[in-house]
């Protein structure tokens, strides 16, 4: 599953190059792959925090079955928009509870 996500993220982040790293220089390839790994780890971390926040709500504790908990994964990426516009407000933090 993580490999599938990695490939799809690589295609989306390297979309101008058909999903391929277009350099023959080993150092540049390594930097690109390491940057992709960093993005994957950040995505998984944020997804985990979002799932934890939702599961901390009382309504979900009543609805969730053990099978539902086993099916949870932070490896979703449909909410990521690599092509759109992003509104940045550097004076405001993302409301994530730790």
N, C-alpha and C. Protein backbone atom coordinates (compact mmCIF):
# COMPACT_ATOMS: atom_id res chain seq x y z
N UNK A 1 0.83 -1.19 0.00
CA UNK A 1 0.00 0.00 0.00
C UNK A 1 0.87 1.25 0.00
N UNK A 2 1.90 1.28 0.83
CA UNK A 2 2.76 2.45 0.89
C UNK A 2 3.49 2.65 -0.43
N UNK A 3 3.87 1.56 -1.09
CA UNK A 3 4.53 1.67 -2.39
C UNK A 3 3.58 2.28 -3.42
N UNK A 4 2.31 1.85 -3.39
CA UNK A 4 1.32 2.41 -4.31
C UNK A 4 1.16 3.90 -4.08
N UNK A 5 1.07 4.31 -2.82
CA UNK A 5 0.95 5.72 -2.50
C UNK A 5 2.20 6.47 -2.93
N UNK A 6 3.35 5.87 -2.70
CA UNK A 6 4.60 6.51 -3.11
C UNK A 6 4.66 6.74 -4.60
N UNK A 7 4.22 5.77 -5.36
CA UNK A 7 4.23 5.92 -6.82
C UNK A 7 3.24 6.99 -7.25
N UNK A 8 2.05 6.99 -6.67
CA UNK A 8 1.06 7.99 -7.06
C UNK A 8 1.47 9.39 -6.61
N UNK A 9 2.11 9.51 -5.46
CA UNK A 9 2.60 10.82 -5.04
C UNK A 9 3.74 11.27 -5.95
N UNK A 10 4.59 10.35 -6.35
CA UNK A 10 5.68 10.72 -7.24
C UNK A 10 5.12 11.24 -8.56
N UNK A 11 4.10 10.57 -9.07
CA UNK A 11 3.48 11.03 -10.32
C UNK A 11 2.88 12.41 -10.13
N UNK A 12 2.23 12.65 -8.99
CA UNK A 12 1.60 13.96 -8.80
C UNK A 12 2.62 15.05 -8.52
N UNK A 13 3.69 14.76 -7.81
CA UNK A 13 4.67 15.80 -7.50
C UNK A 13 5.66 16.02 -8.63
N UNK A 14 5.85 15.04 -9.46
CA UNK A 14 6.70 15.19 -10.63
C UNK A 14 5.84 15.19 -11.89
N UNK A 15 4.66 15.83 -11.79
CA UNK A 15 3.67 15.74 -12.87
C UNK A 15 4.16 16.36 -14.17
N UNK A 16 5.01 17.34 -14.11
CA UNK A 16 5.50 17.97 -15.33
C UNK A 16 6.47 17.10 -16.10
N UNK A 17 6.90 16.04 -15.50
CA UNK A 17 7.88 15.15 -16.12
C UNK A 17 7.31 13.75 -16.31
N UNK A 18 6.02 13.63 -16.33
CA UNK A 18 5.38 12.33 -16.52
C UNK A 18 5.57 11.40 -15.34
N UNK A 19 5.82 11.95 -14.15
CA UNK A 19 6.00 11.13 -12.97
C UNK A 19 7.39 10.54 -12.84
N UNK A 20 8.32 11.03 -13.65
CA UNK A 20 9.68 10.49 -13.62
C UNK A 20 10.66 11.56 -13.17
N UNK A 21 11.70 11.11 -12.53
CA UNK A 21 12.81 12.00 -12.18
C UNK A 21 13.63 12.17 -13.45
N UNK A 22 13.76 13.40 -13.90
CA UNK A 22 14.29 13.61 -15.26
C UNK A 22 15.79 13.89 -15.31
N UNK A 23 16.48 13.71 -14.23
CA UNK A 23 17.91 13.98 -14.24
C UNK A 23 18.70 12.68 -14.19
N UNK A 24 19.87 12.72 -14.77
CA UNK A 24 20.77 11.57 -14.71
C UNK A 24 21.79 11.71 -13.58
N UNK A 25 21.81 12.86 -12.96
CA UNK A 25 22.77 13.07 -11.87
C UNK A 25 22.28 12.36 -10.61
N UNK A 26 23.10 11.50 -10.08
CA UNK A 26 22.74 10.69 -8.93
C UNK A 26 22.37 11.55 -7.72
N UNK A 27 23.10 12.64 -7.50
CA UNK A 27 22.83 13.50 -6.35
C UNK A 27 21.44 14.13 -6.46
N UNK A 28 21.06 14.58 -7.66
CA UNK A 28 19.75 15.18 -7.85
C UNK A 28 18.64 14.15 -7.69
N UNK A 29 18.87 12.94 -8.16
CA UNK A 29 17.88 11.87 -7.98
C UNK A 29 17.68 11.57 -6.50
N UNK A 30 18.78 11.52 -5.77
CA UNK A 30 18.70 11.23 -4.34
C UNK A 30 17.94 12.32 -3.61
N UNK A 31 18.20 13.58 -3.94
CA UNK A 31 17.49 14.69 -3.30
C UNK A 31 16.00 14.62 -3.61
N UNK A 32 15.65 14.31 -4.85
CA UNK A 32 14.24 14.20 -5.22
C UNK A 32 13.53 13.09 -4.45
N UNK A 33 14.17 11.95 -4.34
CA UNK A 33 13.56 10.82 -3.63
C UNK A 33 13.48 11.11 -2.13
N UNK A 34 14.49 11.73 -1.56
CA UNK A 34 14.45 12.09 -0.14
C UNK A 34 13.36 13.12 0.13
N UNK A 35 13.19 14.08 -0.78
CA UNK A 35 12.12 15.06 -0.63
C UNK A 35 10.75 14.38 -0.70
N UNK A 36 10.61 13.42 -1.59
CA UNK A 36 9.36 12.68 -1.69
C UNK A 36 9.10 11.89 -0.41
N UNK A 37 10.11 11.27 0.15
CA UNK A 37 9.96 10.54 1.41
C UNK A 37 9.54 11.48 2.54
N UNK A 38 10.12 12.67 2.56
CA UNK A 38 9.75 13.65 3.58
C UNK A 38 8.28 14.05 3.43
N UNK A 39 7.84 14.29 2.20
CA UNK A 39 6.44 14.62 1.96
C UNK A 39 5.51 13.48 2.37
N UNK A 40 5.91 12.24 2.08
CA UNK A 40 5.10 11.09 2.48
C UNK A 40 4.98 11.01 4.00
N UNK A 41 6.09 11.19 4.69
CA UNK A 41 6.07 11.12 6.15
C UNK A 41 5.23 12.24 6.75
N UNK A 42 5.32 13.44 6.19
CA UNK A 42 4.50 14.55 6.66
C UNK A 42 3.02 14.27 6.45
N UNK A 43 2.68 13.71 5.29
CA UNK A 43 1.29 13.38 4.99
C UNK A 43 0.76 12.34 5.98
N UNK A 44 1.54 11.32 6.25
CA UNK A 44 1.11 10.27 7.17
C UNK A 44 0.96 10.83 8.59
N UNK A 45 1.86 11.71 8.99
CA UNK A 45 1.79 12.31 10.32
C UNK A 45 0.52 13.16 10.46
N UNK A 46 0.27 14.04 9.50
CA UNK A 46 -0.91 14.89 9.55
C UNK A 46 -2.18 14.05 9.48
N UNK A 47 -2.19 13.03 8.63
CA UNK A 47 -3.37 12.15 8.54
C UNK A 47 -3.62 11.45 9.87
N UNK A 48 -2.56 11.00 10.52
CA UNK A 48 -2.70 10.34 11.82
C UNK A 48 -3.30 11.29 12.85
N UNK A 49 -2.83 12.53 12.86
CA UNK A 49 -3.38 13.52 13.79
C UNK A 49 -4.85 13.80 13.50
N UNK A 50 -5.21 13.87 12.23
CA UNK A 50 -6.62 14.11 11.88
C UNK A 50 -7.50 12.95 12.30
N UNK A 51 -7.05 11.72 12.08
CA UNK A 51 -7.83 10.54 12.47
C UNK A 51 -7.96 10.48 13.99
N UNK A 52 -6.88 10.76 14.71
CA UNK A 52 -6.93 10.75 16.17
C UNK A 52 -7.91 11.79 16.70
N UNK A 53 -7.91 12.96 16.08
CA UNK A 53 -8.84 14.01 16.52
C UNK A 53 -10.28 13.58 16.31
N UNK A 54 -10.57 13.00 15.17
CA UNK A 54 -11.94 12.54 14.90
C UNK A 54 -12.33 11.42 15.86
N UNK A 55 -11.42 10.50 16.12
CA UNK A 55 -11.74 9.37 17.00
C UNK A 55 -11.87 9.78 18.46
N UNK A 56 -11.37 10.95 18.81
CA UNK A 56 -11.50 11.40 20.19
C UNK A 56 -12.90 11.97 20.48
N UNK A 57 -13.68 12.17 19.44
CA UNK A 57 -15.05 12.68 19.62
C UNK A 57 -15.96 11.54 20.09
N UNK A 58 -16.83 11.86 21.02
CA UNK A 58 -17.69 10.85 21.66
C UNK A 58 -18.62 10.17 20.67
N UNK A 59 -19.09 10.91 19.67
CA UNK A 59 -20.04 10.33 18.72
C UNK A 59 -19.42 9.14 17.98
N UNK A 60 -18.14 9.25 17.66
CA UNK A 60 -17.48 8.19 16.91
C UNK A 60 -17.21 6.96 17.77
N UNK A 61 -16.98 7.16 19.06
CA UNK A 61 -16.74 6.01 19.94
C UNK A 61 -17.97 5.11 20.02
N UNK A 62 -19.14 5.69 19.89
CA UNK A 62 -20.37 4.90 19.92
C UNK A 62 -20.57 4.12 18.63
N UNK A 63 -20.10 4.66 17.54
CA UNK A 63 -20.36 4.08 16.22
C UNK A 63 -19.30 3.06 15.81
N UNK A 64 -18.07 3.27 16.22
CA UNK A 64 -16.95 2.45 15.75
C UNK A 64 -16.98 1.05 16.37
N UNK A 65 -16.78 0.06 15.52
CA UNK A 65 -16.66 -1.34 15.94
C UNK A 65 -15.18 -1.73 15.90
N UNK A 66 -14.81 -2.83 16.55
CA UNK A 66 -13.41 -3.27 16.48
C UNK A 66 -12.91 -3.46 15.04
N UNK A 67 -13.80 -3.92 14.16
CA UNK A 67 -13.41 -4.10 12.76
C UNK A 67 -13.08 -2.76 12.11
N UNK A 68 -13.81 -1.73 12.51
CA UNK A 68 -13.56 -0.39 11.96
C UNK A 68 -12.19 0.12 12.39
N UNK A 69 -11.83 -0.11 13.64
CA UNK A 69 -10.51 0.33 14.11
C UNK A 69 -9.39 -0.40 13.37
N UNK A 70 -9.60 -1.68 13.11
CA UNK A 70 -8.57 -2.44 12.39
C UNK A 70 -8.40 -1.97 10.95
N UNK A 71 -9.45 -1.40 10.39
CA UNK A 71 -9.39 -0.95 9.00
C UNK A 71 -8.82 0.45 8.85
N UNK A 72 -8.59 1.15 9.94
CA UNK A 72 -8.08 2.52 9.85
C UNK A 72 -6.63 2.53 9.36
N UNK A 73 -6.33 3.52 8.56
CA UNK A 73 -4.97 3.69 8.06
C UNK A 73 -4.72 5.17 7.81
N UNK A 74 -3.50 5.64 8.03
CA UNK A 74 -3.18 7.03 7.70
C UNK A 74 -2.70 7.19 6.26
N UNK A 75 -2.85 6.15 5.47
CA UNK A 75 -2.30 6.16 4.11
C UNK A 75 -3.32 6.59 3.07
N UNK A 76 -4.11 7.61 3.38
CA UNK A 76 -5.04 8.14 2.38
C UNK A 76 -4.48 9.47 1.86
N UNK A 77 -4.82 9.78 0.64
CA UNK A 77 -4.22 10.96 0.01
C UNK A 77 -5.17 11.70 -0.91
N UNK A 78 -6.46 11.34 -0.89
CA UNK A 78 -7.40 11.99 -1.80
C UNK A 78 -7.65 13.45 -1.44
N UNK A 79 -7.30 13.86 -0.22
CA UNK A 79 -7.49 15.25 0.19
C UNK A 79 -6.33 16.15 -0.24
N UNK A 80 -5.31 15.58 -0.83
CA UNK A 80 -4.14 16.35 -1.24
C UNK A 80 -4.38 16.91 -2.64
N UNK A 81 -4.12 18.20 -2.80
CA UNK A 81 -4.33 18.88 -4.07
C UNK A 81 -3.01 19.51 -4.52
N UNK A 82 -2.21 18.78 -5.29
CA UNK A 82 -0.91 19.35 -5.70
C UNK A 82 -1.01 20.36 -6.83
N UNK A 83 -2.18 20.52 -7.43
CA UNK A 83 -2.31 21.38 -8.60
C UNK A 83 -3.05 22.68 -8.34
N UNK A 84 -3.73 22.81 -7.22
CA UNK A 84 -4.59 23.96 -6.97
C UNK A 84 -3.88 25.11 -6.31
N UNK A 85 -4.68 26.08 -5.90
CA UNK A 85 -4.13 27.23 -5.19
C UNK A 85 -4.21 26.97 -3.69
N UNK A 86 -3.30 27.56 -2.98
CA UNK A 86 -3.21 27.36 -1.54
C UNK A 86 -3.22 28.72 -0.86
N UNK A 87 -4.10 28.88 0.10
CA UNK A 87 -4.16 30.11 0.86
C UNK A 87 -3.28 29.95 2.09
N UNK A 88 -2.25 30.76 2.18
CA UNK A 88 -1.35 30.71 3.32
C UNK A 88 -1.60 31.91 4.21
N UNK A 89 -1.75 31.65 5.48
CA UNK A 89 -1.86 32.70 6.47
C UNK A 89 -0.80 32.41 7.51
N UNK A 90 0.30 33.10 7.42
CA UNK A 90 1.44 32.83 8.31
C UNK A 90 1.18 33.33 9.73
N UNK A 91 0.09 34.07 9.94
CA UNK A 91 -0.25 34.55 11.28
C UNK A 91 -1.16 33.58 12.02
N UNK A 92 -1.56 32.50 11.37
CA UNK A 92 -2.49 31.55 11.98
C UNK A 92 -1.94 30.13 11.86
N UNK A 93 -2.05 29.39 12.95
CA UNK A 93 -1.57 28.01 12.96
C UNK A 93 -2.69 27.06 12.59
N UNK A 94 -2.32 25.89 12.10
CA UNK A 94 -3.31 24.85 11.82
C UNK A 94 -3.84 24.34 13.16
N UNK A 95 -5.15 24.28 13.33
CA UNK A 95 -5.70 23.85 14.63
C UNK A 95 -5.61 22.34 14.83
N UNK A 96 -4.43 21.87 15.19
CA UNK A 96 -4.21 20.44 15.43
C UNK A 96 -3.87 20.26 16.91
N UNK A 97 -4.60 19.39 17.57
CA UNK A 97 -4.33 19.09 18.98
C UNK A 97 -3.27 18.01 19.06
N UNK A 98 -2.31 18.21 19.93
CA UNK A 98 -1.27 17.20 20.12
C UNK A 98 -1.54 16.41 21.36
